[in-house]
Amino acid sequence: MKKTIILEELECAHCAAKMEAAVKELAGVENCSVNFLTQKMEITAADDKMDGILKEAEKIVKKIEPDVEFVIK
């Protein structure tokens, strides 16, 4: 399963790279990519693990960049 998340107000390319690297390390994540220009994160993971991964990914995003809105599409 692939989910797209909008990272509204993402203003730091370095922070985007840190988010991508940290989410890739989560158990069950097959792939994660963050496009700084479009402010989108795509996460690929097993269907049964996705809800937990999304919660952890949001925590990571908020820790790195507290003002970013994490909007699941």
N, C-alpha and C. Protein backbone atom coordinates (compact mmCIF):
# COMPACT_ATOMS: atom_id res chain seq x y z
N MET A 1 0.84 -1.17 0.00
CA MET A 1 0.00 0.00 0.00
C MET A 1 0.89 1.24 0.00
N LYS A 2 0.47 2.24 -0.76
CA LYS A 2 1.21 3.51 -0.81
C LYS A 2 0.29 4.62 -0.35
N LYS A 3 0.81 5.46 0.54
CA LYS A 3 0.07 6.62 1.03
C LYS A 3 0.84 7.88 0.70
N THR A 4 0.10 8.93 0.36
CA THR A 4 0.70 10.23 0.10
C THR A 4 0.28 11.19 1.21
N ILE A 5 1.26 11.88 1.76
CA ILE A 5 1.02 12.84 2.82
C ILE A 5 1.48 14.21 2.34
N ILE A 6 0.64 15.21 2.54
CA ILE A 6 1.01 16.59 2.23
C ILE A 6 1.67 17.18 3.47
N LEU A 7 2.83 17.75 3.28
CA LEU A 7 3.57 18.38 4.39
C LEU A 7 3.47 19.90 4.23
N GLU A 8 2.32 20.43 4.63
CA GLU A 8 2.06 21.86 4.47
C GLU A 8 3.01 22.67 5.34
N GLU A 9 3.54 23.75 4.78
CA GLU A 9 4.45 24.68 5.46
C GLU A 9 5.85 24.11 5.64
N LEU A 10 6.21 23.08 4.88
CA LEU A 10 7.58 22.55 4.91
C LEU A 10 8.49 23.55 4.21
N GLU A 11 9.45 24.10 4.94
CA GLU A 11 10.29 25.17 4.39
C GLU A 11 11.78 24.86 4.42
N CYS A 12 12.16 23.64 4.76
CA CYS A 12 13.56 23.31 4.94
C CYS A 12 13.90 22.02 4.19
N ALA A 13 14.72 22.13 3.15
CA ALA A 13 15.09 20.95 2.37
C ALA A 13 15.89 19.95 3.21
N HIS A 14 16.75 20.45 4.07
CA HIS A 14 17.53 19.56 4.94
C HIS A 14 16.60 18.80 5.88
N CYS A 15 15.60 19.48 6.41
CA CYS A 15 14.62 18.83 7.30
C CYS A 15 13.85 17.75 6.55
N ALA A 16 13.50 18.01 5.30
CA ALA A 16 12.78 17.03 4.48
C ALA A 16 13.63 15.77 4.33
N ALA A 17 14.92 15.94 4.11
CA ALA A 17 15.82 14.79 3.97
C ALA A 17 15.92 14.02 5.28
N LYS A 18 15.96 14.73 6.40
CA LYS A 18 16.01 14.06 7.71
C LYS A 18 14.72 13.28 7.96
N MET A 19 13.58 13.85 7.58
CA MET A 19 12.29 13.15 7.74
C MET A 19 12.28 11.86 6.93
N GLU A 20 12.69 11.97 5.67
CA GLU A 20 12.72 10.80 4.79
C GLU A 20 13.59 9.70 5.38
N ALA A 21 14.78 10.04 5.81
CA ALA A 21 15.70 9.04 6.37
C ALA A 21 15.14 8.39 7.62
N ALA A 22 14.52 9.18 8.50
CA ALA A 22 13.98 8.65 9.75
C ALA A 22 12.79 7.72 9.51
N VAL A 23 11.90 8.11 8.59
CA VAL A 23 10.72 7.28 8.31
C VAL A 23 11.15 5.97 7.65
N LYS A 24 12.17 6.01 6.81
CA LYS A 24 12.68 4.78 6.18
C LYS A 24 13.15 3.76 7.21
N GLU A 25 13.58 4.24 8.37
CA GLU A 25 14.09 3.36 9.42
C GLU A 25 12.98 2.68 10.23
N LEU A 26 11.74 3.14 10.09
CA LEU A 26 10.64 2.53 10.85
C LEU A 26 10.40 1.10 10.39
N ALA A 27 10.09 0.24 11.36
CA ALA A 27 9.80 -1.16 11.05
C ALA A 27 8.57 -1.26 10.15
N GLY A 28 8.67 -2.02 9.08
CA GLY A 28 7.55 -2.23 8.17
C GLY A 28 7.52 -1.30 6.97
N VAL A 29 8.35 -0.27 6.97
CA VAL A 29 8.37 0.67 5.84
C VAL A 29 9.20 0.06 4.72
N GLU A 30 8.56 -0.08 3.56
CA GLU A 30 9.27 -0.60 2.38
C GLU A 30 10.03 0.53 1.69
N ASN A 31 9.41 1.70 1.62
CA ASN A 31 10.07 2.86 1.01
C ASN A 31 9.40 4.15 1.51
N CYS A 32 10.18 5.21 1.50
CA CYS A 32 9.66 6.54 1.83
C CYS A 32 10.43 7.54 1.00
N SER A 33 9.70 8.48 0.40
CA SER A 33 10.36 9.56 -0.32
C SER A 33 9.65 10.87 0.00
N VAL A 34 10.45 11.92 0.17
CA VAL A 34 9.92 13.25 0.42
C VAL A 34 10.37 14.15 -0.72
N ASN A 35 9.40 14.81 -1.36
CA ASN A 35 9.70 15.77 -2.41
C ASN A 35 9.51 17.16 -1.80
N PHE A 36 10.62 17.84 -1.58
CA PHE A 36 10.57 19.15 -0.94
C PHE A 36 9.78 20.17 -1.77
N LEU A 37 9.95 20.15 -3.08
CA LEU A 37 9.29 21.14 -3.93
C LEU A 37 7.78 21.01 -3.94
N THR A 38 7.27 19.77 -3.94
CA THR A 38 5.82 19.57 -3.95
C THR A 38 5.26 19.42 -2.54
N GLN A 39 6.13 19.37 -1.54
CA GLN A 39 5.74 19.20 -0.14
C GLN A 39 4.95 17.92 0.07
N LYS A 40 5.40 16.83 -0.56
CA LYS A 40 4.71 15.54 -0.43
C LYS A 40 5.66 14.46 0.07
N MET A 41 5.11 13.60 0.92
CA MET A 41 5.82 12.41 1.38
C MET A 41 5.02 11.21 0.90
N GLU A 42 5.70 10.23 0.33
CA GLU A 42 5.06 8.98 -0.07
C GLU A 42 5.67 7.85 0.74
N ILE A 43 4.79 7.08 1.38
CA ILE A 43 5.24 5.95 2.19
C ILE A 43 4.64 4.68 1.60
N THR A 44 5.48 3.68 1.41
CA THR A 44 5.03 2.37 0.95
C THR A 44 5.26 1.37 2.07
N ALA A 45 4.21 0.64 2.45
CA ALA A 45 4.29 -0.34 3.53
C ALA A 45 3.13 -1.32 3.40
N ALA A 46 3.20 -2.41 4.17
CA ALA A 46 2.12 -3.39 4.19
C ALA A 46 0.85 -2.75 4.74
N ASP A 47 -0.31 -3.17 4.21
CA ASP A 47 -1.59 -2.60 4.61
C ASP A 47 -1.81 -2.66 6.13
N ASP A 48 -1.48 -3.80 6.74
CA ASP A 48 -1.77 -3.99 8.16
C ASP A 48 -0.85 -3.16 9.07
N LYS A 49 0.24 -2.66 8.55
CA LYS A 49 1.18 -1.86 9.35
C LYS A 49 1.02 -0.35 9.12
N MET A 50 0.27 0.04 8.09
CA MET A 50 0.24 1.44 7.65
C MET A 50 -0.25 2.40 8.72
N ASP A 51 -1.31 2.06 9.46
CA ASP A 51 -1.83 3.00 10.46
C ASP A 51 -0.78 3.35 11.51
N GLY A 52 -0.09 2.35 12.01
CA GLY A 52 0.96 2.60 13.01
C GLY A 52 2.11 3.38 12.44
N ILE A 53 2.48 3.08 11.20
CA ILE A 53 3.57 3.78 10.54
C ILE A 53 3.22 5.25 10.35
N LEU A 54 1.99 5.53 9.94
CA LEU A 54 1.57 6.92 9.74
C LEU A 54 1.63 7.71 11.05
N LYS A 55 1.24 7.08 12.16
CA LYS A 55 1.30 7.76 13.46
C LYS A 55 2.75 8.07 13.83
N GLU A 56 3.63 7.10 13.62
CA GLU A 56 5.05 7.31 13.93
C GLU A 56 5.67 8.35 12.99
N ALA A 57 5.28 8.30 11.72
CA ALA A 57 5.81 9.27 10.74
C ALA A 57 5.40 10.68 11.13
N GLU A 58 4.17 10.85 11.59
CA GLU A 58 3.72 12.18 12.00
C GLU A 58 4.53 12.67 13.20
N LYS A 59 4.84 11.79 14.15
CA LYS A 59 5.66 12.16 15.30
C LYS A 59 7.05 12.62 14.85
N ILE A 60 7.62 11.90 13.89
CA ILE A 60 8.94 12.25 13.36
C ILE A 60 8.90 13.63 12.70
N VAL A 61 7.89 13.85 11.86
CA VAL A 61 7.76 15.13 11.16
C VAL A 61 7.63 16.28 12.17
N LYS A 62 6.79 16.10 13.18
CA LYS A 62 6.55 17.15 14.18
C LYS A 62 7.80 17.41 15.03
N LYS A 63 8.58 16.36 15.28
CA LYS A 63 9.80 16.53 16.07
C LYS A 63 10.84 17.35 15.29
N ILE A 64 10.94 17.07 13.99
CA ILE A 64 11.93 17.76 13.16
C ILE A 64 11.47 19.17 12.80
N GLU A 65 10.20 19.30 12.47
CA GLU A 65 9.66 20.59 11.99
C GLU A 65 8.27 20.77 12.60
N PRO A 66 8.18 21.32 13.83
CA PRO A 66 6.90 21.40 14.57
C PRO A 66 5.77 22.14 13.86
N ASP A 67 6.09 23.07 12.96
CA ASP A 67 5.04 23.88 12.32
C ASP A 67 4.43 23.22 11.08
N VAL A 68 4.96 22.08 10.66
CA VAL A 68 4.45 21.41 9.46
C VAL A 68 3.13 20.70 9.76
N GLU A 69 2.15 20.90 8.88
CA GLU A 69 0.87 20.19 8.98
C GLU A 69 1.00 18.87 8.22
N PHE A 70 0.64 17.76 8.85
CA PHE A 70 0.74 16.41 8.31
C PHE A 70 -0.65 16.01 7.81
N VAL A 71 -0.89 16.11 6.49
CA VAL A 71 -2.23 15.90 5.93
C VAL A 71 -2.22 14.63 5.07
N ILE A 72 -2.91 13.60 5.52
CA ILE A 72 -2.95 12.33 4.79
C ILE A 72 -3.97 12.43 3.66
N LYS A 73 -3.55 12.09 2.44
CA LYS A 73 -4.44 12.14 1.29
C LYS A 73 -5.12 10.80 1.12
